[in-house]
Amino acid sequence: MAMRDELARKAGQFEREFGTAPRIRGSLHFGPVIIGEIGDVKRAIVFNGDVMNTASRLEELSRGVEGGFVASKAAMDCFASAPPFTVSALGHLPIRGRVDGIVAFGLQPPHET
């Protein structure tokens, strides 16, 4: 949310310099990840597993969600208290690669009062 706020503050500068302003979106999902290192000459750390695929699919869904951020129920269950942003239930959504779909939530900055 802080990155989005900073980009919005500098939108005019981006539009003057580049003709457009960047926008940010994202997803949040929790679960086990397989971590490895590959390569001999040029080493790289890689992350694999269903959690990575699911996060990617959620990011695809974020394009059509107000606020541009989506979190799975698994991610939301990890918060010990209410998160510092507005959460709206998106329901049980079908996503590519998962027969059972996923329960998701839209995330937005808190509403100004």
N, C-alpha and C. Protein backbone atom coordinates (compact mmCIF):
# COMPACT_ATOMS: atom_id res chain seq x y z
N MET A 1 0.82 -1.18 0.00
CA MET A 1 0.00 0.00 0.00
C MET A 1 0.87 1.26 0.00
N ALA A 2 1.98 1.21 0.73
CA ALA A 2 2.89 2.37 0.78
C ALA A 2 3.50 2.63 -0.59
N MET A 3 3.84 1.56 -1.31
CA MET A 3 4.40 1.73 -2.66
C MET A 3 3.37 2.38 -3.58
N ARG A 4 2.13 1.95 -3.48
CA ARG A 4 1.09 2.52 -4.33
C ARG A 4 0.89 3.99 -4.00
N ASP A 5 0.90 4.34 -2.71
CA ASP A 5 0.74 5.74 -2.31
C ASP A 5 1.88 6.60 -2.86
N GLU A 6 3.09 6.10 -2.80
CA GLU A 6 4.24 6.86 -3.31
C GLU A 6 4.16 7.04 -4.82
N LEU A 7 3.76 6.00 -5.54
CA LEU A 7 3.60 6.11 -6.99
C LEU A 7 2.50 7.12 -7.34
N ALA A 8 1.42 7.14 -6.57
CA ALA A 8 0.34 8.09 -6.82
C ALA A 8 0.82 9.52 -6.59
N ARG A 9 1.64 9.73 -5.56
CA ARG A 9 2.17 11.07 -5.29
C ARG A 9 3.06 11.57 -6.43
N LYS A 10 3.75 10.66 -7.09
CA LYS A 10 4.67 11.04 -8.16
C LYS A 10 4.08 10.83 -9.55
N ALA A 11 2.78 10.57 -9.64
CA ALA A 11 2.14 10.29 -10.93
C ALA A 11 2.35 11.42 -11.92
N GLY A 12 2.22 12.66 -11.48
CA GLY A 12 2.41 13.80 -12.38
C GLY A 12 3.80 13.82 -12.99
N GLN A 13 4.79 13.55 -12.18
CA GLN A 13 6.18 13.52 -12.66
C GLN A 13 6.37 12.42 -13.69
N PHE A 14 5.82 11.22 -13.42
CA PHE A 14 5.92 10.11 -14.37
C PHE A 14 5.22 10.46 -15.68
N GLU A 15 4.04 11.06 -15.59
CA GLU A 15 3.29 11.40 -16.79
C GLU A 15 4.03 12.44 -17.64
N ARG A 16 4.67 13.41 -16.98
CA ARG A 16 5.45 14.41 -17.73
C ARG A 16 6.65 13.78 -18.41
N GLU A 17 7.34 12.88 -17.70
CA GLU A 17 8.57 12.29 -18.24
C GLU A 17 8.32 11.14 -19.21
N PHE A 18 7.31 10.32 -18.94
CA PHE A 18 7.13 9.10 -19.71
C PHE A 18 5.78 8.99 -20.42
N GLY A 19 4.87 9.93 -20.15
CA GLY A 19 3.57 9.90 -20.79
C GLY A 19 2.55 9.00 -20.11
N THR A 20 2.94 8.35 -19.04
CA THR A 20 2.03 7.48 -18.28
C THR A 20 2.59 7.31 -16.88
N ALA A 21 1.73 6.90 -15.97
CA ALA A 21 2.15 6.64 -14.59
C ALA A 21 2.00 5.15 -14.28
N PRO A 22 2.98 4.56 -13.61
CA PRO A 22 2.86 3.13 -13.27
C PRO A 22 1.80 2.90 -12.21
N ARG A 23 1.21 1.72 -12.27
CA ARG A 23 0.26 1.29 -11.24
C ARG A 23 0.76 -0.05 -10.71
N ILE A 24 0.42 -0.35 -9.49
CA ILE A 24 0.90 -1.56 -8.86
C ILE A 24 -0.28 -2.44 -8.46
N ARG A 25 -0.09 -3.73 -8.54
CA ARG A 25 -1.08 -4.70 -8.06
C ARG A 25 -0.31 -5.88 -7.48
N GLY A 26 -1.00 -6.74 -6.77
CA GLY A 26 -0.29 -7.86 -6.18
C GLY A 26 -1.22 -8.86 -5.54
N SER A 27 -0.59 -9.91 -5.01
CA SER A 27 -1.35 -10.97 -4.35
C SER A 27 -0.56 -11.48 -3.16
N LEU A 28 -1.29 -12.12 -2.26
CA LEU A 28 -0.68 -12.67 -1.05
C LEU A 28 -1.28 -14.05 -0.81
N HIS A 29 -0.41 -15.04 -0.65
CA HIS A 29 -0.85 -16.41 -0.37
C HIS A 29 0.21 -17.06 0.50
N PHE A 30 -0.19 -17.89 1.43
CA PHE A 30 0.76 -18.56 2.32
C PHE A 30 0.69 -20.07 2.13
N GLY A 31 1.82 -20.74 2.37
CA GLY A 31 1.89 -22.19 2.30
C GLY A 31 3.33 -22.63 2.15
N PRO A 32 3.55 -23.94 2.12
CA PRO A 32 4.92 -24.45 2.00
C PRO A 32 5.52 -24.15 0.63
N VAL A 33 6.80 -23.82 0.63
CA VAL A 33 7.54 -23.49 -0.59
C VAL A 33 8.80 -24.34 -0.63
N ILE A 34 9.15 -24.81 -1.81
CA ILE A 34 10.40 -25.53 -2.03
C ILE A 34 11.43 -24.50 -2.50
N ILE A 35 12.53 -24.40 -1.79
CA ILE A 35 13.57 -23.44 -2.11
C ILE A 35 14.82 -24.20 -2.53
N GLY A 36 15.44 -23.75 -3.61
CA GLY A 36 16.66 -24.41 -4.08
C GLY A 36 17.61 -23.42 -4.71
N GLU A 37 18.82 -23.90 -4.94
CA GLU A 37 19.83 -23.10 -5.61
C GLU A 37 20.24 -23.85 -6.87
N ILE A 38 20.27 -23.14 -8.00
CA ILE A 38 20.65 -23.78 -9.25
C ILE A 38 21.79 -23.02 -9.90
N GLY A 39 22.50 -23.73 -10.78
CA GLY A 39 23.56 -23.10 -11.56
C GLY A 39 24.93 -23.31 -10.96
N ASP A 40 25.93 -23.40 -11.84
CA ASP A 40 27.32 -23.54 -11.42
C ASP A 40 28.05 -22.21 -11.53
N VAL A 41 28.02 -21.61 -12.70
CA VAL A 41 28.72 -20.35 -12.93
C VAL A 41 27.89 -19.19 -12.39
N LYS A 42 26.65 -19.15 -12.81
CA LYS A 42 25.74 -18.10 -12.34
C LYS A 42 24.69 -18.75 -11.47
N ARG A 43 24.79 -18.57 -10.18
CA ARG A 43 23.85 -19.19 -9.24
C ARG A 43 22.59 -18.37 -9.09
N ALA A 44 21.49 -19.07 -8.84
CA ALA A 44 20.21 -18.41 -8.63
C ALA A 44 19.43 -19.17 -7.56
N ILE A 45 18.69 -18.45 -6.76
CA ILE A 45 17.79 -19.05 -5.79
C ILE A 45 16.43 -19.19 -6.48
N VAL A 46 15.81 -20.36 -6.38
CA VAL A 46 14.52 -20.59 -7.01
C VAL A 46 13.50 -20.99 -5.94
N PHE A 47 12.26 -20.61 -6.18
CA PHE A 47 11.15 -20.95 -5.30
C PHE A 47 10.13 -21.71 -6.14
N ASN A 48 9.67 -22.86 -5.67
CA ASN A 48 8.71 -23.68 -6.40
C ASN A 48 7.63 -24.17 -5.46
N GLY A 49 6.57 -24.66 -6.05
CA GLY A 49 5.51 -25.28 -5.29
C GLY A 49 4.15 -24.71 -5.62
N ASP A 50 3.12 -25.37 -5.14
CA ASP A 50 1.75 -24.95 -5.40
C ASP A 50 1.50 -23.54 -4.89
N VAL A 51 2.12 -23.16 -3.79
CA VAL A 51 1.90 -21.82 -3.23
C VAL A 51 2.36 -20.74 -4.21
N MET A 52 3.43 -20.96 -4.93
CA MET A 52 3.92 -19.99 -5.90
C MET A 52 2.96 -19.88 -7.09
N ASN A 53 2.48 -21.03 -7.56
CA ASN A 53 1.52 -21.04 -8.67
C ASN A 53 0.22 -20.34 -8.27
N THR A 54 -0.25 -20.63 -7.06
CA THR A 54 -1.50 -20.02 -6.59
C THR A 54 -1.34 -18.52 -6.43
N ALA A 55 -0.23 -18.06 -5.89
CA ALA A 55 0.01 -16.61 -5.75
C ALA A 55 0.02 -15.95 -7.13
N SER A 56 0.60 -16.61 -8.09
CA SER A 56 0.62 -16.07 -9.45
C SER A 56 -0.79 -15.97 -10.03
N ARG A 57 -1.61 -16.98 -9.81
CA ARG A 57 -2.99 -16.96 -10.32
C ARG A 57 -3.80 -15.87 -9.62
N LEU A 58 -3.56 -15.69 -8.32
CA LEU A 58 -4.24 -14.61 -7.60
C LEU A 58 -3.84 -13.25 -8.15
N GLU A 59 -2.57 -13.11 -8.49
CA GLU A 59 -2.10 -11.85 -9.07
C GLU A 59 -2.83 -11.59 -10.39
N GLU A 60 -3.08 -12.63 -11.18
CA GLU A 60 -3.84 -12.47 -12.42
C GLU A 60 -5.24 -11.94 -12.10
N LEU A 61 -5.86 -12.46 -11.04
CA LEU A 61 -7.20 -12.01 -10.65
C LEU A 61 -7.19 -10.56 -10.16
N SER A 62 -6.07 -10.11 -9.63
CA SER A 62 -6.00 -8.76 -9.05
C SER A 62 -6.25 -7.68 -10.10
N ARG A 63 -6.09 -7.99 -11.37
CA ARG A 63 -6.33 -7.01 -12.43
C ARG A 63 -7.77 -6.52 -12.42
N GLY A 64 -8.69 -7.38 -12.04
CA GLY A 64 -10.10 -7.02 -12.07
C GLY A 64 -10.69 -6.67 -10.72
N VAL A 65 -9.84 -6.49 -9.71
CA VAL A 65 -10.32 -6.21 -8.36
C VAL A 65 -10.02 -4.77 -7.99
N GLU A 66 -11.02 -4.08 -7.46
CA GLU A 66 -10.80 -2.70 -7.01
C GLU A 66 -9.68 -2.67 -5.99
N GLY A 67 -8.74 -1.79 -6.16
CA GLY A 67 -7.59 -1.70 -5.27
C GLY A 67 -6.39 -2.46 -5.80
N GLY A 68 -6.61 -3.50 -6.63
CA GLY A 68 -5.52 -4.20 -7.27
C GLY A 68 -4.75 -5.18 -6.41
N PHE A 69 -5.27 -5.50 -5.21
CA PHE A 69 -4.57 -6.47 -4.36
C PHE A 69 -5.54 -7.56 -3.92
N VAL A 70 -5.08 -8.82 -3.99
CA VAL A 70 -5.89 -9.97 -3.62
C VAL A 70 -5.10 -10.84 -2.65
N ALA A 71 -5.80 -11.37 -1.65
CA ALA A 71 -5.18 -12.31 -0.70
C ALA A 71 -6.07 -13.54 -0.57
N SER A 72 -5.43 -14.68 -0.38
CA SER A 72 -6.17 -15.92 -0.16
C SER A 72 -6.62 -15.99 1.30
N LYS A 73 -7.56 -16.88 1.57
CA LYS A 73 -7.99 -17.12 2.95
C LYS A 73 -6.81 -17.61 3.78
N ALA A 74 -5.96 -18.45 3.18
CA ALA A 74 -4.78 -18.96 3.90
C ALA A 74 -3.89 -17.81 4.37
N ALA A 75 -3.74 -16.79 3.55
CA ALA A 75 -2.94 -15.63 3.92
C ALA A 75 -3.64 -14.81 5.00
N MET A 76 -4.93 -14.58 4.83
CA MET A 76 -5.68 -13.77 5.80
C MET A 76 -5.73 -14.44 7.17
N ASP A 77 -5.75 -15.77 7.19
CA ASP A 77 -5.77 -16.50 8.46
C ASP A 77 -4.49 -16.32 9.26
N CYS A 78 -3.42 -15.85 8.63
CA CYS A 78 -2.14 -15.67 9.31
C CYS A 78 -2.06 -14.37 10.11
N PHE A 79 -2.99 -13.44 9.88
CA PHE A 79 -2.99 -12.19 10.64
C PHE A 79 -3.49 -12.46 12.05
N ALA A 80 -2.72 -12.03 13.05
CA ALA A 80 -3.11 -12.22 14.44
C ALA A 80 -4.19 -11.22 14.85
N SER A 81 -4.26 -10.09 14.17
CA SER A 81 -5.28 -9.08 14.45
C SER A 81 -5.75 -8.51 13.11
N ALA A 82 -6.72 -7.62 13.18
CA ALA A 82 -7.25 -7.03 11.95
C ALA A 82 -6.14 -6.31 11.19
N PRO A 83 -6.02 -6.55 9.88
CA PRO A 83 -4.97 -5.89 9.10
C PRO A 83 -5.26 -4.39 8.96
N PRO A 84 -4.23 -3.60 8.69
CA PRO A 84 -4.38 -2.14 8.61
C PRO A 84 -4.90 -1.65 7.25
N PHE A 85 -5.79 -2.40 6.65
CA PHE A 85 -6.38 -2.00 5.37
C PHE A 85 -7.79 -2.55 5.29
N THR A 86 -8.55 -2.09 4.34
CA THR A 86 -9.93 -2.54 4.16
C THR A 86 -9.94 -3.88 3.43
N VAL A 87 -10.68 -4.83 3.97
CA VAL A 87 -10.77 -6.18 3.40
C VAL A 87 -12.20 -6.42 2.92
N SER A 88 -12.34 -6.88 1.69
CA SER A 88 -13.67 -7.22 1.18
C SER A 88 -13.65 -8.65 0.65
N ALA A 89 -14.63 -9.43 1.06
CA ALA A 89 -14.73 -10.83 0.63
C ALA A 89 -15.06 -10.91 -0.85
N LEU A 90 -14.29 -11.68 -1.59
CA LEU A 90 -14.55 -11.91 -3.01
C LEU A 90 -15.24 -13.24 -3.25
N GLY A 91 -15.32 -14.06 -2.20
CA GLY A 91 -15.98 -15.35 -2.30
C GLY A 91 -15.04 -16.44 -2.80
N HIS A 92 -15.63 -17.54 -3.22
CA HIS A 92 -14.90 -18.70 -3.73
C HIS A 92 -14.70 -18.51 -5.23
N LEU A 93 -13.46 -18.30 -5.65
CA LEU A 93 -13.17 -17.98 -7.05
C LEU A 93 -12.51 -19.15 -7.77
N PRO A 94 -12.89 -19.38 -9.02
CA PRO A 94 -12.17 -20.38 -9.82
C PRO A 94 -10.83 -19.78 -10.26
N ILE A 95 -9.77 -20.56 -10.15
CA ILE A 95 -8.48 -20.11 -10.67
C ILE A 95 -7.85 -21.22 -11.49
N ARG A 96 -7.12 -20.81 -12.48
CA ARG A 96 -6.45 -21.75 -13.38
C ARG A 96 -5.51 -22.65 -12.57
N GLY A 97 -5.56 -23.95 -12.84
CA GLY A 97 -4.66 -24.89 -12.20
C GLY A 97 -5.16 -25.48 -10.90
N ARG A 98 -6.31 -25.02 -10.41
CA ARG A 98 -6.87 -25.57 -9.16
C ARG A 98 -8.32 -25.95 -9.39
N VAL A 99 -8.60 -27.22 -9.30
CA VAL A 99 -9.96 -27.71 -9.51
C VAL A 99 -10.90 -27.16 -8.45
N ASP A 100 -10.40 -27.02 -7.22
CA ASP A 100 -11.25 -26.60 -6.11
C ASP A 100 -11.39 -25.08 -5.98
N GLY A 101 -10.70 -24.29 -6.81
CA GLY A 101 -10.76 -22.84 -6.70
C GLY A 101 -10.12 -22.36 -5.41
N ILE A 102 -10.44 -21.13 -5.00
CA ILE A 102 -9.85 -20.57 -3.79
C ILE A 102 -10.74 -19.47 -3.23
N VAL A 103 -10.78 -19.37 -1.91
CA VAL A 103 -11.49 -18.29 -1.25
C VAL A 103 -10.54 -17.10 -1.19
N ALA A 104 -11.01 -15.95 -1.68
CA ALA A 104 -10.12 -14.79 -1.81
C ALA A 104 -10.76 -13.53 -1.24
N PHE A 105 -9.89 -12.55 -0.96
CA PHE A 105 -10.30 -11.26 -0.41
C PHE A 105 -9.61 -10.14 -1.18
N GLY A 106 -10.32 -9.05 -1.39
CA GLY A 106 -9.73 -7.85 -1.98
C GLY A 106 -9.19 -6.96 -0.87
N LEU A 107 -8.05 -6.33 -1.10
CA LEU A 107 -7.42 -5.46 -0.10
C LEU A 107 -7.31 -4.06 -0.67
N GLN A 108 -7.69 -3.08 0.15
CA GLN A 108 -7.64 -1.68 -0.24
C GLN A 108 -7.13 -0.86 0.92
N PRO A 109 -6.60 0.33 0.62
CA PRO A 109 -6.18 1.20 1.72
C PRO A 109 -7.40 1.54 2.58
N PRO A 110 -7.19 1.84 3.85
CA PRO A 110 -8.33 2.21 4.71
C PRO A 110 -9.05 3.42 4.12
N HIS A 111 -10.36 3.45 4.29
CA HIS A 111 -11.14 4.58 3.79
C HIS A 111 -10.85 5.80 4.63
N GLU A 112 -10.68 6.93 3.96
CA GLU A 112 -10.45 8.19 4.65
C GLU A 112 -11.73 8.61 5.35
N THR A 113 -11.61 9.13 6.57
CA THR A 113 -12.80 9.60 7.29
C THR A 113 -12.72 11.09 7.51
